[in-house]
Amino acid sequence: MRVSLLSPESRLSLLFSRARGEVGDLDDRCIDCGAHHPLHLSRQGREVRCHRCAARLAGKPSTQIHHFGGRFDREHTIEIDVNDHAVLTALQDCWWRGRYEPGSPYALGFDIGAWLVVCGVEK
């Protein structure tokens, strides 16, 4: 079965499973900060790091630009933590990308709701 035919929930479950398979143990955490969300982590040789700590170690910014609704426009673009960006992009891929047009009311509404849940109001 093609992944694109799966429900959003199944696509997200598959993504989590693949992320866990790449990183390894369920108890794996970033060796620098202790982050443990599977979509925040990646394996670099024998070490597991979150995207933020890997960026810092590589001398890169710990933030990225996120486009609500998957389309650039100044009104719906924010700078967010790289770990949060990984989660929000995964949610875009699982829920609406390929089903709704970037910039559509659904894509925009979904992304704003996901941002509120993932990042919280205080971030």
N, C-alpha and C. Protein backbone atom coordinates (compact mmCIF):
# COMPACT_ATOMS: atom_id res chain seq x y z
N MET A 1 0.84 -1.18 0.00
CA MET A 1 0.00 0.00 0.00
C MET A 1 0.89 1.25 0.00
N ARG A 2 0.49 2.22 -0.78
CA ARG A 2 1.23 3.49 -0.83
C ARG A 2 0.96 4.29 0.43
N VAL A 3 2.01 4.92 0.95
CA VAL A 3 1.89 5.72 2.18
C VAL A 3 0.88 6.84 1.99
N SER A 4 0.81 7.41 0.80
CA SER A 4 -0.11 8.52 0.56
C SER A 4 -1.57 8.11 0.70
N LEU A 5 -1.86 6.82 0.64
CA LEU A 5 -3.23 6.34 0.79
C LEU A 5 -3.62 6.08 2.25
N LEU A 6 -2.64 6.13 3.16
CA LEU A 6 -2.92 5.90 4.57
C LEU A 6 -3.62 7.12 5.19
N SER A 7 -4.33 6.88 6.27
CA SER A 7 -4.95 7.98 7.01
C SER A 7 -3.85 8.84 7.63
N PRO A 8 -4.15 10.10 7.96
CA PRO A 8 -3.15 10.95 8.61
C PRO A 8 -2.60 10.31 9.89
N GLU A 9 -3.48 9.69 10.67
CA GLU A 9 -3.04 9.05 11.91
C GLU A 9 -2.05 7.92 11.63
N SER A 10 -2.34 7.11 10.61
CA SER A 10 -1.44 6.01 10.25
C SER A 10 -0.12 6.53 9.70
N ARG A 11 -0.18 7.60 8.93
CA ARG A 11 1.05 8.20 8.40
C ARG A 11 1.93 8.70 9.54
N LEU A 12 1.31 9.34 10.54
CA LEU A 12 2.07 9.85 11.69
C LEU A 12 2.65 8.69 12.50
N SER A 13 1.88 7.63 12.69
CA SER A 13 2.37 6.45 13.40
C SER A 13 3.57 5.84 12.69
N LEU A 14 3.50 5.75 11.37
CA LEU A 14 4.60 5.23 10.57
C LEU A 14 5.83 6.13 10.70
N LEU A 15 5.63 7.43 10.69
CA LEU A 15 6.73 8.38 10.84
C LEU A 15 7.42 8.21 12.19
N PHE A 16 6.62 8.07 13.26
CA PHE A 16 7.18 7.85 14.60
C PHE A 16 7.97 6.54 14.63
N SER A 17 7.42 5.51 14.02
CA SER A 17 8.09 4.21 14.00
C SER A 17 9.43 4.30 13.28
N ARG A 18 9.44 4.99 12.16
CA ARG A 18 10.69 5.17 11.41
C ARG A 18 11.70 5.98 12.22
N ALA A 19 11.22 7.04 12.89
CA ALA A 19 12.11 7.88 13.71
C ALA A 19 12.71 7.05 14.83
N ARG A 20 11.89 6.24 15.48
CA ARG A 20 12.39 5.37 16.55
C ARG A 20 13.39 4.37 16.01
N GLY A 21 13.13 3.84 14.84
CA GLY A 21 14.05 2.87 14.23
C GLY A 21 15.40 3.48 13.92
N GLU A 22 15.40 4.75 13.51
CA GLU A 22 16.65 5.44 13.19
C GLU A 22 17.45 5.73 14.45
N VAL A 23 16.76 6.15 15.50
CA VAL A 23 17.45 6.54 16.73
C VAL A 23 17.79 5.34 17.57
N GLY A 24 16.86 4.41 17.73
CA GLY A 24 17.14 3.21 18.50
C GLY A 24 16.25 3.05 19.70
N ASP A 25 16.85 2.95 20.85
CA ASP A 25 16.15 2.68 22.10
C ASP A 25 15.03 3.65 22.42
N LEU A 26 13.98 3.16 23.06
CA LEU A 26 12.89 4.03 23.50
C LEU A 26 13.36 5.02 24.56
N ASP A 27 14.45 4.68 25.24
CA ASP A 27 14.97 5.56 26.29
C ASP A 27 16.02 6.53 25.78
N ASP A 28 16.32 6.50 24.48
CA ASP A 28 17.33 7.40 23.95
C ASP A 28 16.93 8.85 24.14
N ARG A 29 17.92 9.64 24.48
CA ARG A 29 17.75 11.08 24.69
C ARG A 29 18.94 11.80 24.09
N CYS A 30 18.77 13.09 23.87
CA CYS A 30 19.88 13.91 23.42
C CYS A 30 20.98 13.88 24.47
N ILE A 31 22.20 13.60 24.04
CA ILE A 31 23.30 13.50 25.00
C ILE A 31 23.66 14.85 25.62
N ASP A 32 23.20 15.94 25.00
CA ASP A 32 23.52 17.26 25.52
C ASP A 32 22.43 17.84 26.42
N CYS A 33 21.16 17.76 25.98
CA CYS A 33 20.10 18.44 26.74
C CYS A 33 19.04 17.50 27.30
N GLY A 34 19.06 16.24 26.90
CA GLY A 34 18.10 15.28 27.41
C GLY A 34 16.77 15.22 26.67
N ALA A 35 16.62 15.96 25.57
CA ALA A 35 15.38 15.91 24.79
C ALA A 35 15.12 14.46 24.39
N HIS A 36 13.85 14.06 24.39
CA HIS A 36 13.56 12.66 24.10
C HIS A 36 12.43 12.43 23.08
N HIS A 37 11.85 13.48 22.54
CA HIS A 37 10.80 13.32 21.54
C HIS A 37 11.43 12.70 20.29
N PRO A 38 10.86 11.61 19.76
CA PRO A 38 11.51 10.92 18.63
C PRO A 38 11.70 11.79 17.39
N LEU A 39 10.83 12.77 17.17
CA LEU A 39 11.00 13.64 16.00
C LEU A 39 12.02 14.75 16.22
N HIS A 40 12.49 14.89 17.44
CA HIS A 40 13.54 15.87 17.74
C HIS A 40 14.94 15.26 17.57
N LEU A 41 15.02 13.94 17.56
CA LEU A 41 16.31 13.26 17.66
C LEU A 41 16.82 12.73 16.33
N SER A 42 18.14 12.67 16.25
CA SER A 42 18.78 11.97 15.14
C SER A 42 20.07 11.34 15.67
N ARG A 43 20.48 10.29 15.02
CA ARG A 43 21.70 9.59 15.43
C ARG A 43 22.84 10.10 14.58
N GLN A 44 23.93 10.43 15.25
CA GLN A 44 25.15 10.87 14.59
C GLN A 44 26.25 9.92 15.03
N GLY A 45 26.45 8.86 14.26
CA GLY A 45 27.38 7.81 14.69
C GLY A 45 26.76 7.06 15.86
N ARG A 46 27.46 7.04 16.97
CA ARG A 46 26.96 6.36 18.17
C ARG A 46 26.19 7.30 19.08
N GLU A 47 26.20 8.58 18.76
CA GLU A 47 25.57 9.58 19.63
C GLU A 47 24.20 10.00 19.10
N VAL A 48 23.29 10.26 20.04
CA VAL A 48 21.97 10.75 19.70
C VAL A 48 21.89 12.20 20.16
N ARG A 49 21.51 13.06 19.25
CA ARG A 49 21.35 14.48 19.58
C ARG A 49 20.03 14.98 19.03
N CYS A 50 19.50 16.01 19.69
CA CYS A 50 18.32 16.67 19.14
C CYS A 50 18.80 17.63 18.05
N HIS A 51 17.86 18.07 17.24
CA HIS A 51 18.22 18.97 16.12
C HIS A 51 18.82 20.28 16.63
N ARG A 52 18.33 20.79 17.76
CA ARG A 52 18.83 22.06 18.31
C ARG A 52 20.30 21.93 18.73
N CYS A 53 20.61 20.87 19.47
CA CYS A 53 21.99 20.69 19.93
C CYS A 53 22.93 20.37 18.77
N ALA A 54 22.44 19.61 17.78
CA ALA A 54 23.26 19.31 16.59
C ALA A 54 23.55 20.59 15.83
N ALA A 55 22.56 21.47 15.72
CA ALA A 55 22.76 22.75 15.02
C ALA A 55 23.78 23.60 15.77
N ARG A 56 23.62 23.68 17.09
CA ARG A 56 24.55 24.47 17.90
C ARG A 56 25.98 23.94 17.74
N LEU A 57 26.14 22.63 17.80
CA LEU A 57 27.45 22.01 17.67
C LEU A 57 28.07 22.30 16.29
N ALA A 58 27.23 22.38 15.26
CA ALA A 58 27.70 22.65 13.89
C ALA A 58 27.84 24.15 13.62
N GLY A 59 27.55 24.98 14.61
CA GLY A 59 27.66 26.43 14.43
C GLY A 59 26.52 27.02 13.62
N LYS A 60 25.39 26.32 13.58
CA LYS A 60 24.22 26.79 12.83
C LYS A 60 23.18 27.36 13.79
N PRO A 61 22.23 28.13 13.28
CA PRO A 61 21.17 28.69 14.14
C PRO A 61 20.29 27.58 14.73
N SER A 62 19.78 27.82 15.91
CA SER A 62 18.89 26.85 16.56
C SER A 62 17.43 27.14 16.25
N THR A 63 17.20 28.05 15.30
CA THR A 63 15.84 28.35 14.87
C THR A 63 15.74 28.20 13.35
N GLN A 64 14.51 28.01 12.89
CA GLN A 64 14.25 27.95 11.45
C GLN A 64 12.97 28.72 11.17
N ILE A 65 12.80 29.06 9.92
CA ILE A 65 11.59 29.76 9.49
C ILE A 65 10.51 28.73 9.21
N HIS A 66 9.32 28.95 9.75
CA HIS A 66 8.18 28.06 9.50
C HIS A 66 7.10 28.84 8.78
N HIS A 67 6.59 28.25 7.71
CA HIS A 67 5.54 28.87 6.91
C HIS A 67 4.21 28.21 7.22
N PHE A 68 3.33 28.92 7.90
CA PHE A 68 1.99 28.38 8.15
C PHE A 68 1.31 28.17 6.82
N GLY A 69 0.70 27.02 6.65
CA GLY A 69 0.03 26.71 5.39
C GLY A 69 0.98 26.31 4.29
N GLY A 70 2.28 26.20 4.61
CA GLY A 70 3.25 25.72 3.63
C GLY A 70 3.59 26.67 2.52
N ARG A 71 3.23 27.93 2.67
CA ARG A 71 3.52 28.91 1.62
C ARG A 71 4.05 30.17 2.27
N PHE A 72 5.11 30.72 1.68
CA PHE A 72 5.69 31.94 2.24
C PHE A 72 4.78 33.13 2.01
N ASP A 73 4.49 33.79 3.08
CA ASP A 73 3.98 35.16 3.06
C ASP A 73 4.32 35.74 4.43
N ARG A 74 4.62 37.00 4.44
CA ARG A 74 5.13 37.64 5.66
C ARG A 74 4.16 37.52 6.84
N GLU A 75 2.89 37.53 6.56
CA GLU A 75 1.89 37.50 7.63
C GLU A 75 1.83 36.14 8.34
N HIS A 76 2.16 35.06 7.64
CA HIS A 76 2.03 33.72 8.20
C HIS A 76 3.36 32.98 8.28
N THR A 77 4.42 33.69 8.57
CA THR A 77 5.75 33.11 8.69
C THR A 77 6.36 33.51 10.02
N ILE A 78 6.90 32.51 10.75
CA ILE A 78 7.50 32.79 12.06
C ILE A 78 8.85 32.05 12.15
N GLU A 79 9.65 32.49 13.09
CA GLU A 79 10.91 31.83 13.40
C GLU A 79 10.69 30.98 14.65
N ILE A 80 10.99 29.68 14.56
CA ILE A 80 10.77 28.78 15.69
C ILE A 80 11.98 27.88 15.90
N ASP A 81 12.01 27.26 17.06
CA ASP A 81 13.04 26.31 17.44
C ASP A 81 13.10 25.16 16.42
N VAL A 82 14.30 24.69 16.10
CA VAL A 82 14.45 23.64 15.08
C VAL A 82 13.75 22.34 15.49
N ASN A 83 13.71 22.02 16.78
CA ASN A 83 13.02 20.82 17.22
C ASN A 83 11.51 20.94 16.95
N ASP A 84 10.94 22.09 17.29
CA ASP A 84 9.52 22.31 17.03
C ASP A 84 9.24 22.32 15.53
N HIS A 85 10.16 22.87 14.75
CA HIS A 85 9.98 22.92 13.30
C HIS A 85 9.91 21.51 12.71
N ALA A 86 10.73 20.60 13.24
CA ALA A 86 10.71 19.21 12.76
C ALA A 86 9.33 18.58 12.99
N VAL A 87 8.74 18.85 14.15
CA VAL A 87 7.43 18.28 14.46
C VAL A 87 6.35 18.90 13.59
N LEU A 88 6.37 20.23 13.46
CA LEU A 88 5.33 20.90 12.67
C LEU A 88 5.41 20.52 11.19
N THR A 89 6.60 20.36 10.66
CA THR A 89 6.75 19.95 9.27
C THR A 89 6.24 18.52 9.08
N ALA A 90 6.53 17.64 10.05
CA ALA A 90 6.03 16.27 9.98
C ALA A 90 4.49 16.25 9.99
N LEU A 91 3.89 17.10 10.81
CA LEU A 91 2.43 17.17 10.86
C LEU A 91 1.86 17.68 9.54
N GLN A 92 2.52 18.67 8.94
CA GLN A 92 2.09 19.13 7.61
C GLN A 92 2.12 17.96 6.62
N ASP A 93 3.22 17.23 6.62
CA ASP A 93 3.38 16.11 5.68
C ASP A 93 2.33 15.03 5.89
N CYS A 94 1.98 14.78 7.14
CA CYS A 94 1.02 13.71 7.44
C CYS A 94 -0.42 14.14 7.22
N TRP A 95 -0.77 15.39 7.52
CA TRP A 95 -2.17 15.76 7.53
C TRP A 95 -2.68 16.40 6.25
N TRP A 96 -1.93 17.31 5.67
CA TRP A 96 -2.56 18.00 4.54
C TRP A 96 -1.72 18.05 3.26
N ARG A 97 -0.42 17.94 3.35
CA ARG A 97 0.40 18.05 2.15
C ARG A 97 0.03 16.94 1.16
N GLY A 98 -0.23 17.31 -0.06
CA GLY A 98 -0.65 16.36 -1.08
C GLY A 98 -2.15 16.18 -1.14
N ARG A 99 -2.86 16.74 -0.18
CA ARG A 99 -4.33 16.64 -0.15
C ARG A 99 -4.98 18.00 -0.30
N TYR A 100 -4.32 19.02 0.23
CA TYR A 100 -4.83 20.39 0.15
C TYR A 100 -3.74 21.26 -0.44
N GLU A 101 -4.14 22.30 -1.09
CA GLU A 101 -3.22 23.24 -1.71
C GLU A 101 -2.48 24.03 -0.62
N PRO A 102 -1.14 24.22 -0.74
CA PRO A 102 -0.45 25.10 0.19
C PRO A 102 -1.11 26.49 0.19
N GLY A 103 -1.27 27.03 1.36
CA GLY A 103 -1.90 28.34 1.50
C GLY A 103 -3.42 28.28 1.58
N SER A 104 -4.00 27.09 1.43
CA SER A 104 -5.45 26.95 1.51
C SER A 104 -5.92 27.22 2.94
N PRO A 105 -7.19 27.57 3.10
CA PRO A 105 -7.70 27.78 4.46
C PRO A 105 -7.49 26.58 5.37
N TYR A 106 -7.67 25.35 4.84
CA TYR A 106 -7.45 24.16 5.66
C TYR A 106 -6.00 24.07 6.12
N ALA A 107 -5.05 24.21 5.18
CA ALA A 107 -3.63 24.10 5.51
C ALA A 107 -3.23 25.17 6.53
N LEU A 108 -3.69 26.37 6.32
CA LEU A 108 -3.37 27.47 7.23
C LEU A 108 -3.97 27.23 8.61
N GLY A 109 -5.23 26.86 8.65
CA GLY A 109 -5.89 26.61 9.93
C GLY A 109 -5.28 25.45 10.68
N PHE A 110 -4.98 24.36 9.96
CA PHE A 110 -4.36 23.21 10.60
C PHE A 110 -3.01 23.60 11.20
N ASP A 111 -2.19 24.31 10.43
CA ASP A 111 -0.85 24.67 10.89
C ASP A 111 -0.88 25.59 12.11
N ILE A 112 -1.79 26.53 12.13
CA ILE A 112 -1.88 27.42 13.29
C ILE A 112 -2.31 26.63 14.52
N GLY A 113 -3.29 25.73 14.36
CA GLY A 113 -3.71 24.89 15.47
C GLY A 113 -2.58 23.99 15.96
N ALA A 114 -1.84 23.38 15.03
CA ALA A 114 -0.73 22.51 15.40
C ALA A 114 0.35 23.30 16.14
N TRP A 115 0.63 24.51 15.68
CA TRP A 115 1.63 25.36 16.34
C TRP A 115 1.21 25.66 17.78
N LEU A 116 -0.05 25.96 17.99
CA LEU A 116 -0.53 26.24 19.35
C LEU A 116 -0.39 25.03 20.25
N VAL A 117 -0.64 23.85 19.72
CA VAL A 117 -0.52 22.62 20.51
C VAL A 117 0.95 22.28 20.77
N VAL A 118 1.76 22.31 19.73
CA VAL A 118 3.17 21.89 19.84
C VAL A 118 3.99 22.92 20.62
N CYS A 119 3.82 24.18 20.31
CA CYS A 119 4.68 25.21 20.89
C CYS A 119 4.05 25.89 22.11
N GLY A 120 2.75 25.83 22.24
CA GLY A 120 2.11 26.47 23.37
C GLY A 120 2.09 27.98 23.20
N VAL A 121 1.24 28.60 23.94
CA VAL A 121 1.08 30.06 23.84
C VAL A 121 2.29 30.79 24.38
N GLU A 122 2.93 30.26 25.44
CA GLU A 122 4.03 31.00 26.07
C GLU A 122 5.32 30.98 25.27
N LYS A 123 5.47 30.10 24.29
CA LYS A 123 6.69 30.11 23.47
C LYS A 123 6.57 31.21 22.51
